[in-house]
Amino acid sequence: MSNPRIAFIGAGSTVFMKNIIGDVLQRPALRDATIALMDINRERLDESELVAGKLIRSLGTKATVETHMDQRRALAGADFVVVAFQIGGYEPCTVTDFEVPKKFGLRQTIADTLGVGGIMRGLRTVPHLWKICADMMEICPDAIMLQYVNPMAINTWAIAEKFPKIRQVGLCHSVQGTAWELARDLDIPYSEIRYRAAGINHMAFYLKFEHRQPDGSYRNLYPDLLRGYREGRFPKPSHWNERCPNKVRYEMLTRLGYFVTESSEHFAEYTPYFIKEGREDLIEKYGIPLDEYPKRCVEQIERWKDQAAAYRDADTIEVKESHEYASSIINSVWTGEPSVIYGNVRNNGCITSLPSNCAAEVPCLVDASGIQPTHVGALPPQLTALMRTNINVQELTVAALMTENVEHIYHAAMMDPHTAAELDLDQIWALTSDLLAAHGDWIPEWARPAGKSRAA
């Protein structure tokens, strides 16, 4: 069998590139793949090339690595296209997404998926994803895009609207990551857990969450989760970030009857219930980490300095399997060996209670035919209703991008649950205008206030 060519757009995300490529090279059918790394930052690209080369030596494969600053050259002949970038970076764009809303009293935790921060990130990101799609249609039209970029749902929806022939899937680790967290709370091996989840990215819910019994039957674990929370045993202290105690999701479990797949720090700003002016008691009770994403960015930047130095000095690099889906997808498509992943795709009736054109996160079968979403049917009505509040924002942001109608940006902000719970209409309009002005030409020209650009 020939070897696949995998283009990695945004390869300057070196740690993430290491995880994905490390997974790929550990699979026998993929170990001699050609990896085309592309980034606009030469220094970061060189660091990623160094790490990829040491991965290959550590694993003893015959894989080859190319580096490109030209996107079209990286895409030439690609079978798979992994996309992982952040337009505007931590500085200036993430800082802007947090600091401007603060002037209006609007506080956030992550601000990369929904809310005014997510809307602005969508405006910055989608045009660049569209450029990749346009190049793919011309250069590698049969390639599959594995998209790891936030805001995931907005991106997936916008790609499907403008480039419906692109074979794409949006990938996130929240479904399998949260299942692992819950198994840890329950003191049950993850391998003994069975679940089925569905919804939208960062707001999918476990419709089933069960434990395999010695006789082969399965036991519903929701009563155990509810009991543990009410008795104060769950959630257990965070194993990775003490600022994020995960209480929001457990509280919502008691109200909705189902557990959501994305973290409490995210979920606190997808709803109007937890972050409220003058309600510091809620912030304390649920341990909501305000300004969490900027703190992580600063910490990650510092960690990378040490990690980059360690990679430069090391002869070999330890390769551990990650929990990302990319290598599983590539292996299944390339070999025909089936697998099941959770992917973000155009709904197309998979979830009958959600709009057909929205981006849904559902179980997908993957084999030589590609990524095949499975039918879920209608969700419980309370889950559907909550998802619709987020879908409204996604839909209006995509509408703004597709029609270049600036007013829809304001409409999206107006419909956001957290923003609307905190600000009145005049404040929402003023905040949106200020964000558009502050971002300048990081956003599309049609959305910029007259005379505003980052070059000015």
Protein backbone atom coordinates (compact mmCIF):
# COMPACT_ATOMS: atom_id res chain seq x y z
CA MET A 1 0.00 0.00 0.00
CA SER A 2 1.20 3.50 -0.81
CA ASN A 3 1.76 6.00 1.97
CA PRO A 4 -0.63 8.87 2.71
CA ARG A 5 0.29 12.52 2.38
CA ILE A 6 -0.89 14.55 5.35
CA ALA A 7 -0.82 18.33 5.16
CA PHE A 8 -0.77 20.11 8.52
CA ILE A 9 -1.92 23.75 8.22
CA GLY A 10 -0.95 25.67 11.34
CA ALA A 11 1.95 23.38 12.16
CA GLY A 12 3.50 26.07 14.36
CA SER A 13 1.20 24.69 17.06
CA THR A 14 4.11 22.40 17.84
CA VAL A 15 2.77 20.50 20.85
CA PHE A 16 -0.52 19.75 19.10
CA MET A 17 1.34 18.78 15.92
CA LYS A 18 3.50 16.42 17.99
CA ASN A 19 0.43 14.71 19.45
CA ILE A 20 -1.32 14.25 16.10
CA ILE A 21 1.74 13.20 14.10
CA GLY A 22 2.96 11.02 16.97
CA ASP A 23 -0.38 9.17 16.90
CA VAL A 24 -0.23 8.80 13.11
CA LEU A 25 3.29 7.40 13.04
CA GLN A 26 2.45 4.74 15.65
CA ARG A 27 -0.08 3.13 13.29
CA PRO A 28 1.54 0.48 11.06
CA ALA A 29 -0.24 1.52 7.87
CA LEU A 30 0.68 5.19 8.38
CA ARG A 31 4.19 5.00 9.82
CA ASP A 32 5.91 5.96 6.56
CA ALA A 33 3.58 8.83 5.67
CA THR A 34 4.67 12.09 4.11
CA ILE A 35 4.00 14.98 6.48
CA ALA A 36 3.76 18.45 4.91
CA LEU A 37 4.01 21.04 7.67
CA MET A 38 2.82 24.57 6.86
CA ASP A 39 2.84 27.74 8.96
CA ILE A 40 3.31 31.47 8.42
CA ASN A 41 5.81 31.73 11.29
CA ARG A 42 9.21 30.49 10.14
CA GLU A 43 10.63 30.11 13.64
CA ARG A 44 7.72 28.00 14.88
CA LEU A 45 7.74 26.00 11.66
CA ASP A 46 11.43 25.18 12.14
CA GLU A 47 10.72 24.07 15.72
CA SER A 48 7.95 21.79 14.48
CA GLU A 49 10.20 20.35 11.78
CA LEU A 50 12.80 19.56 14.44
CA VAL A 51 10.22 17.85 16.66
CA ALA A 52 8.71 15.88 13.76
CA GLY A 53 12.17 14.66 12.73
CA LYS A 54 12.90 13.47 16.24
CA LEU A 55 9.53 11.73 16.40
CA ILE A 56 10.45 9.81 13.24
CA ARG A 57 13.85 8.82 14.64
CA SER A 58 12.34 7.85 18.00
CA LEU A 59 9.80 5.57 16.33
CA GLY A 60 12.17 4.23 13.68
CA THR A 61 9.86 4.97 10.75
CA LYS A 62 10.61 6.00 7.17
CA ALA A 63 8.22 8.94 7.23
CA THR A 64 9.32 12.12 5.52
CA VAL A 65 8.75 15.72 6.58
CA GLU A 66 8.41 18.76 4.36
CA THR A 67 8.01 22.35 5.51
CA HIS A 68 6.18 25.05 3.63
CA MET A 69 5.19 28.65 4.14
CA ASP A 70 3.13 28.44 0.95
CA GLN A 71 -0.24 26.84 1.68
CA ARG A 72 -0.86 25.59 -1.85
CA ARG A 73 2.45 23.74 -1.98
CA ALA A 74 1.68 22.03 1.30
CA LEU A 75 -1.73 20.97 0.02
CA ALA A 76 -0.50 19.61 -3.31
CA GLY A 77 -1.42 15.92 -3.50
CA ALA A 78 -2.70 15.78 0.08
CA ASP A 79 -4.95 12.93 1.14
CA PHE A 80 -5.71 14.49 4.52
CA VAL A 81 -5.55 18.10 5.70
CA VAL A 82 -5.22 18.77 9.43
CA VAL A 83 -6.05 22.36 10.34
CA ALA A 84 -5.02 23.90 13.68
CA PHE A 85 -4.46 27.63 13.95
CA GLN A 86 -5.57 30.69 15.91
CA ILE A 87 -6.02 33.85 13.88
CA GLY A 88 -4.77 36.86 15.82
CA GLY A 89 -3.19 34.77 18.57
CA TYR A 90 -3.30 35.50 22.27
CA GLU A 91 -2.05 39.00 21.54
CA PRO A 92 -3.71 41.03 20.31
CA CYS A 93 -6.97 39.24 19.56
CA THR A 94 -7.69 37.11 22.62
CA VAL A 95 -6.74 40.01 24.88
CA THR A 96 -9.13 42.23 22.91
CA ASP A 97 -11.95 39.70 23.23
CA PHE A 98 -11.64 39.84 27.01
CA GLU A 99 -10.64 43.41 27.79
CA VAL A 100 -13.20 45.28 25.66
CA PRO A 101 -16.22 43.44 27.14
CA LYS A 102 -14.89 44.10 30.65
CA LYS A 103 -15.43 47.83 30.06
CA PHE A 104 -19.13 47.06 29.82
CA GLY A 105 -19.12 44.78 32.87
CA LEU A 106 -19.27 41.60 30.79
CA ARG A 107 -16.98 38.94 32.25
CA GLN A 108 -16.01 35.72 30.46
CA THR A 109 -14.15 32.47 31.10
CA ILE A 110 -12.97 31.07 27.72
CA ALA A 111 -14.62 33.24 25.02
CA ASP A 112 -13.55 31.12 22.05
CA THR A 113 -16.78 29.32 21.09
CA LEU A 114 -19.84 31.45 21.81
CA GLY A 115 -20.56 34.88 23.23
CA VAL A 116 -19.05 38.05 21.86
CA GLY A 117 -15.59 36.45 22.01
CA GLY A 118 -16.71 33.46 20.00
CA ILE A 119 -18.47 35.66 17.44
CA MET A 120 -15.34 37.74 16.90
CA ARG A 121 -13.17 34.65 16.66
CA GLY A 122 -15.54 33.28 14.03
CA LEU A 123 -15.24 36.48 12.00
CA ARG A 124 -11.45 36.22 12.17
CA THR A 125 -11.24 32.51 11.46
CA VAL A 126 -13.81 31.50 8.85
CA PRO A 127 -12.35 33.55 5.96
CA HIS A 128 -9.02 31.74 6.40
CA LEU A 129 -10.72 28.36 6.51
CA TRP A 130 -12.53 29.30 3.31
CA LYS A 131 -9.18 30.07 1.68
CA ILE A 132 -7.97 26.59 2.57
CA CYS A 133 -11.19 25.12 1.16
CA ALA A 134 -10.79 27.07 -2.08
CA ASP A 135 -7.24 25.76 -2.47
CA MET A 136 -8.34 22.23 -1.63
CA MET A 137 -11.09 22.30 -4.26
CA GLU A 138 -8.48 23.19 -6.85
CA ILE A 139 -5.47 21.17 -5.65
CA CYS A 140 -6.73 18.17 -3.63
CA PRO A 141 -10.53 18.00 -3.99
CA ASP A 142 -10.81 14.46 -2.61
CA ALA A 143 -8.82 15.15 0.57
CA ILE A 144 -10.55 15.08 3.95
CA MET A 145 -10.23 18.14 6.18
CA LEU A 146 -9.74 17.36 9.86
CA GLN A 147 -10.54 20.70 11.45
CA TYR A 148 -9.36 21.42 15.02
CA VAL A 149 -10.16 25.14 15.16
CA ASN A 150 -12.55 27.11 17.38
CA PRO A 151 -15.28 28.25 17.18
CA MET A 152 -15.85 24.69 15.95
CA ALA A 153 -19.59 24.81 15.28
CA ILE A 154 -19.46 28.17 13.47
CA ASN A 155 -16.50 27.00 11.38
CA THR A 156 -18.08 23.68 10.42
CA TRP A 157 -21.38 25.34 9.55
CA ALA A 158 -19.70 28.05 7.46
CA ILE A 159 -17.57 25.57 5.51
CA ALA A 160 -20.63 23.44 4.71
CA GLU A 161 -22.53 26.52 3.51
CA LYS A 162 -19.86 27.92 1.21
CA PHE A 163 -17.99 24.74 0.20
CA PRO A 164 -20.53 21.90 0.43
CA LYS A 165 -18.31 19.53 -1.58
CA ILE A 166 -15.43 19.69 0.89
CA ARG A 167 -15.12 16.44 2.84
CA GLN A 168 -14.73 17.82 6.34
CA VAL A 169 -15.17 17.00 9.99
CA GLY A 170 -14.70 19.20 13.03
CA LEU A 171 -12.86 17.41 15.81
CA CYS A 172 -12.85 18.08 19.54
CA HIS A 173 -11.74 15.95 22.48
CA SER A 174 -14.55 16.96 24.85
CA VAL A 175 -16.67 13.81 24.42
CA GLN A 176 -13.94 11.29 25.21
CA GLY A 177 -12.21 13.66 27.64
CA THR A 178 -15.29 14.19 29.79
CA ALA A 179 -16.10 10.47 29.75
CA TRP A 180 -12.62 9.87 31.17
CA GLU A 181 -13.21 12.53 33.87
CA LEU A 182 -16.50 10.96 34.92
CA ALA A 183 -14.95 7.49 35.03
CA ARG A 184 -12.31 8.98 37.34
CA ASP A 185 -14.97 10.48 39.62
CA LEU A 186 -16.76 7.12 39.73
CA ASP A 187 -13.55 5.07 40.25
CA ILE A 188 -14.47 2.93 37.25
CA PRO A 189 -11.94 2.03 34.54
CA TYR A 190 -12.60 4.07 31.43
CA SER A 191 -12.45 0.87 29.35
CA GLU A 192 -15.57 -0.38 31.16
CA ILE A 193 -17.67 2.68 30.31
CA ARG A 194 -20.16 2.73 27.43
CA TYR A 195 -21.73 6.00 26.31
CA ARG A 196 -23.65 7.62 23.48
CA ALA A 197 -23.59 11.39 23.09
CA ALA A 198 -25.09 13.89 20.67
CA GLY A 199 -25.79 17.59 20.30
CA ILE A 200 -23.66 20.49 19.12
CA ASN A 201 -19.98 21.09 19.76
CA HIS A 202 -19.32 21.90 23.41
CA MET A 203 -23.01 21.28 24.14
CA ALA A 204 -23.48 17.61 23.39
CA PHE A 205 -24.93 15.46 26.16
CA TYR A 206 -24.46 11.83 27.15
CA LEU A 207 -27.79 10.25 26.25
CA LYS A 208 -26.47 7.04 27.79
CA PHE A 209 -23.65 6.65 30.30
CA GLU A 210 -23.26 3.07 31.48
CA HIS A 211 -20.93 0.59 33.19
CA ARG A 212 -20.35 -2.88 31.75
CA GLN A 213 -21.15 -5.57 34.31
CA PRO A 214 -19.38 -8.97 34.70
CA ASP A 215 -22.34 -10.73 33.07
CA GLY A 216 -22.12 -8.48 29.99
CA SER A 217 -25.11 -6.30 30.88
CA TYR A 218 -24.84 -2.53 31.38
CA ARG A 219 -25.84 -0.41 34.38
CA ASN A 220 -26.99 3.22 34.11
CA LEU A 221 -24.45 5.44 35.92
CA TYR A 222 -26.54 8.60 36.14
CA PRO A 223 -27.97 7.72 39.59
CA ASP A 224 -24.40 7.28 40.87
CA LEU A 225 -23.31 10.64 39.47
CA LEU A 226 -26.31 12.45 40.98
CA ARG A 227 -25.84 10.77 44.36
CA GLY A 228 -22.12 11.57 44.43
CA TYR A 229 -22.76 15.25 43.68
CA ARG A 230 -25.54 15.62 46.23
CA GLU A 231 -23.38 13.95 48.89
CA GLY A 232 -20.46 16.26 48.10
CA ARG A 233 -18.16 13.51 46.81
CA PHE A 234 -18.26 14.67 43.18
CA PRO A 235 -16.66 16.31 41.41
CA LYS A 236 -13.30 15.19 42.68
CA PRO A 237 -10.54 17.82 42.76
CA SER A 238 -9.30 18.59 39.27
CA HIS A 239 -6.36 16.46 38.18
CA TRP A 240 -5.04 19.15 35.84
CA ASN A 241 -6.27 22.63 36.83
CA GLU A 242 -7.25 23.56 40.37
CA ARG A 243 -8.97 26.71 39.07
CA CYS A 244 -11.64 24.58 37.34
CA PRO A 245 -13.59 22.46 39.88
CA ASN A 246 -16.30 21.30 37.40
CA LYS A 247 -19.32 22.10 39.59
CA VAL A 248 -21.37 23.87 36.90
CA ARG A 249 -21.90 20.71 34.87
CA TYR A 250 -22.91 18.65 37.87
CA GLU A 251 -25.43 21.31 38.87
CA MET A 252 -26.88 21.30 35.35
CA LEU A 253 -27.11 17.50 35.56
CA THR A 254 -29.50 17.91 38.49
CA ARG A 255 -31.65 20.29 36.42
CA LEU A 256 -31.55 18.62 33.00
CA GLY A 257 -31.03 14.95 33.83
CA TYR A 258 -28.05 14.63 31.45
CA PHE A 259 -24.34 15.50 31.65
CA VAL A 260 -22.82 17.87 29.10
CA THR A 261 -19.58 17.03 27.32
CA GLU A 262 -17.68 20.32 27.57
CA SER A 263 -16.08 21.75 30.70
CA SER A 264 -17.78 23.78 33.42
CA GLU A 265 -15.69 26.84 32.61
CA HIS A 266 -17.01 26.75 29.06
CA PHE A 267 -20.57 25.88 30.02
CA ALA A 268 -20.82 28.74 32.53
CA GLU A 269 -20.76 31.21 29.63
CA TYR A 270 -23.05 29.25 27.28
CA THR A 271 -25.96 29.84 29.66
CA PRO A 272 -27.38 32.85 31.53
CA TYR A 273 -27.36 31.29 34.98
CA PHE A 274 -23.88 31.45 36.50
CA ILE A 275 -21.94 34.65 35.69
CA LYS A 276 -23.96 37.62 36.89
CA GLU A 277 -23.05 41.14 37.93
CA GLY A 278 -23.32 41.49 41.70
CA ARG A 279 -23.61 37.74 42.26
CA GLU A 280 -20.16 36.89 43.51
CA ASP A 281 -21.85 34.18 45.57
CA LEU A 282 -22.49 32.24 42.35
CA ILE A 283 -18.88 32.63 41.23
CA GLU A 284 -17.69 31.28 44.59
CA LYS A 285 -20.31 28.53 44.94
CA TYR A 286 -19.59 27.00 41.53
CA GLY A 287 -15.90 27.85 41.37
CA ILE A 288 -16.20 29.71 38.07
CA PRO A 289 -12.73 30.70 36.81
CA LEU A 290 -13.18 34.14 35.25
CA ASP A 291 -10.54 35.14 32.68
CA GLU A 292 -9.44 31.50 32.54
CA TYR A 293 -8.39 31.38 28.89
CA PRO A 294 -5.95 34.33 29.06
CA LYS A 295 -4.35 32.73 32.12
CA ARG A 296 -3.92 29.47 30.22
CA CYS A 297 -2.43 31.29 27.26
CA VAL A 298 0.21 32.95 29.43
CA GLU A 299 1.01 29.66 31.15
CA GLN A 300 1.23 27.78 27.85
CA ILE A 301 3.57 30.40 26.37
CA GLU A 302 5.88 30.03 29.37
CA ARG A 303 5.73 26.23 29.28
CA TRP A 304 6.55 26.20 25.60
CA LYS A 305 9.80 28.09 26.15
CA ASP A 306 11.05 25.31 28.42
CA GLN A 307 9.58 22.55 26.25
CA ALA A 308 11.13 23.93 23.06
CA ALA A 309 14.55 23.99 24.71
CA ALA A 310 14.09 20.41 25.91
CA TYR A 311 13.11 19.24 22.42
CA ARG A 312 16.15 20.95 20.88
CA ASP A 313 18.51 19.22 23.30
CA ALA A 314 16.90 15.75 23.23
CA ASP A 315 18.15 13.00 20.92
CA THR A 316 14.77 11.26 20.99
CA ILE A 317 11.26 12.24 22.06
CA GLU A 318 8.91 10.08 24.13
CA VAL A 319 5.76 9.35 22.13
CA LYS A 320 2.55 8.66 23.99
CA GLU A 321 -0.81 7.99 22.37
CA SER A 322 -3.15 10.97 22.69
CA HIS A 323 -6.95 10.83 22.81
CA GLU A 324 -7.44 12.79 19.57
CA TYR A 325 -9.41 11.21 16.74
CA ALA A 326 -7.23 12.27 13.78
CA SER A 327 -5.05 9.16 13.48
CA SER A 328 -8.04 6.87 13.89
CA ILE A 329 -9.83 8.63 11.03
CA ILE A 330 -6.80 8.61 8.75
CA ASN A 331 -6.14 4.94 9.48
CA SER A 332 -9.76 3.92 8.85
CA VAL A 333 -10.04 5.81 5.57
CA TRP A 334 -6.62 4.62 4.38
CA THR A 335 -6.97 0.94 5.34
CA GLY A 336 -10.72 0.40 5.46
CA GLU A 337 -10.51 -0.76 9.08
CA PRO A 338 -13.69 0.71 10.65
CA SER A 339 -13.77 2.95 13.68
CA VAL A 340 -16.29 5.16 15.45
CA ILE A 341 -15.54 8.76 16.36
CA TYR A 342 -17.50 11.80 17.49
CA GLY A 343 -17.42 14.43 14.78
CA ASN A 344 -18.92 17.80 13.96
CA VAL A 345 -20.71 17.70 10.62
CA ARG A 346 -23.65 19.29 8.85
CA ASN A 347 -26.66 17.89 10.69
CA ASN A 348 -28.64 16.77 7.63
CA GLY A 349 -31.33 15.24 9.84
CA CYS A 350 -29.04 13.21 12.10
CA ILE A 351 -30.61 15.00 15.08
CA THR A 352 -34.19 15.54 14.01
CA SER A 353 -35.00 18.10 16.71
CA LEU A 354 -32.25 20.49 15.51
CA PRO A 355 -32.05 22.49 12.26
CA SER A 356 -30.91 20.41 9.32
CA ASN A 357 -28.22 22.93 8.29
CA CYS A 358 -26.63 23.43 11.72
CA ALA A 359 -23.37 21.80 12.77
CA ALA A 360 -24.15 18.74 14.89
CA GLU A 361 -21.79 16.60 16.96
CA VAL A 362 -22.77 12.95 16.53
CA PRO A 363 -21.24 9.46 16.45
CA CYS A 364 -19.71 8.77 13.03
CA LEU A 365 -18.64 5.53 11.39
CA VAL A 366 -15.31 5.86 9.56
CA ASP A 367 -14.06 3.44 6.93
CA ALA A 368 -12.76 3.49 3.36
CA SER A 369 -15.88 5.39 2.29
CA GLY A 370 -15.01 8.28 4.58
CA ILE A 371 -16.87 9.79 7.55
CA GLN A 372 -20.48 8.65 7.83
CA PRO A 373 -22.60 10.36 10.51
CA THR A 374 -25.14 8.18 12.30
CA HIS A 375 -28.84 8.86 12.88
CA VAL A 376 -29.67 9.98 16.43
CA GLY A 377 -33.30 11.15 16.16
CA ALA A 378 -34.91 13.66 18.50
CA LEU A 379 -33.14 14.77 21.66
CA PRO A 380 -34.93 15.27 24.98
CA PRO A 381 -36.83 18.57 24.63
CA GLN A 382 -34.97 20.37 27.42
CA LEU A 383 -31.64 19.63 25.73
CA THR A 384 -32.94 20.71 22.34
CA ALA A 385 -34.21 23.98 23.81
CA LEU A 386 -30.88 24.80 25.44
CA MET A 387 -28.92 23.98 22.28
CA ARG A 388 -31.15 26.25 20.22
CA THR A 389 -30.05 29.24 22.29
CA ASN A 390 -26.48 28.58 21.15
CA ILE A 391 -27.44 27.64 17.59
CA ASN A 392 -29.13 31.04 17.23
CA VAL A 393 -25.77 32.75 17.76
CA GLN A 394 -23.96 30.36 15.42
CA GLU A 395 -26.57 30.76 12.70
CA LEU A 396 -26.48 34.55 12.77
CA THR A 397 -22.68 34.63 12.74
CA VAL A 398 -22.62 32.35 9.69
CA ALA A 399 -25.34 34.46 8.08
CA ALA A 400 -23.19 37.56 8.61
CA LEU A 401 -20.22 35.84 6.98
CA MET A 402 -22.21 34.47 4.05
CA THR A 403 -24.12 37.65 3.25
CA GLU A 404 -21.54 40.19 4.51
CA ASN A 405 -24.33 41.82 6.47
CA VAL A 406 -22.79 43.63 9.44
CA GLU A 407 -26.14 43.91 11.21
CA HIS A 408 -26.21 40.15 11.71
CA ILE A 409 -23.07 40.43 13.87
CA TYR A 410 -25.05 42.65 16.21
CA HIS A 411 -28.01 40.27 16.03
CA ALA A 412 -25.74 37.36 16.99
CA ALA A 413 -24.47 39.26 20.04
CA MET A 414 -28.03 40.23 20.94
CA MET A 415 -29.09 36.56 20.98
CA ASP A 416 -26.16 35.29 23.04
CA PRO A 417 -27.50 33.93 26.36
CA HIS A 418 -24.73 35.25 28.61
CA THR A 419 -24.40 38.64 26.90
CA ALA A 420 -28.17 39.22 26.94
CA ALA A 421 -28.36 38.27 30.61
CA GLU A 422 -25.82 40.96 31.51
CA LEU A 423 -26.23 43.85 29.07
CA ASP A 424 -29.10 45.90 27.64
CA LEU A 425 -29.57 46.51 23.92
CA ASP A 426 -27.65 49.79 23.82
CA GLN A 427 -24.74 48.21 25.65
CA ILE A 428 -24.71 45.19 23.32
CA TRP A 429 -24.68 47.45 20.26
CA ALA A 430 -21.92 49.65 21.69
CA LEU A 431 -19.83 46.65 22.78
CA THR A 432 -20.10 45.02 19.35
CA SER A 433 -19.07 48.26 17.64
CA ASP A 434 -16.11 48.64 19.98
CA LEU A 435 -14.96 45.06 19.36
CA LEU A 436 -15.19 45.45 15.58
CA ALA A 437 -13.18 48.67 15.80
CA ALA A 438 -10.59 47.16 18.14
CA HIS A 439 -10.02 44.14 15.88
CA GLY A 440 -9.44 46.30 12.82
CA ASP A 441 -8.27 44.29 9.83
CA TRP A 442 -8.06 41.03 11.73
CA ILE A 443 -11.69 40.74 10.62
CA PRO A 444 -13.05 40.89 7.04
CA GLU A 445 -13.06 44.27 5.35
CA TRP A 446 -16.84 44.39 5.06
CA ALA A 447 -17.16 44.14 8.86
CA ARG A 448 -14.67 46.88 9.75
CA PRO A 449 -15.87 50.28 10.88
CA ALA A 450 -14.79 52.90 8.36
CA GLY A 451 -11.16 53.87 8.68
CA LYS A 452 -10.26 51.27 11.28
CA SER A 453 -7.41 48.80 10.73
CA ARG A 454 -4.64 47.30 12.78
CA ALA A 455 -2.17 49.02 10.46
CA ALA A 456 -3.53 52.45 11.37
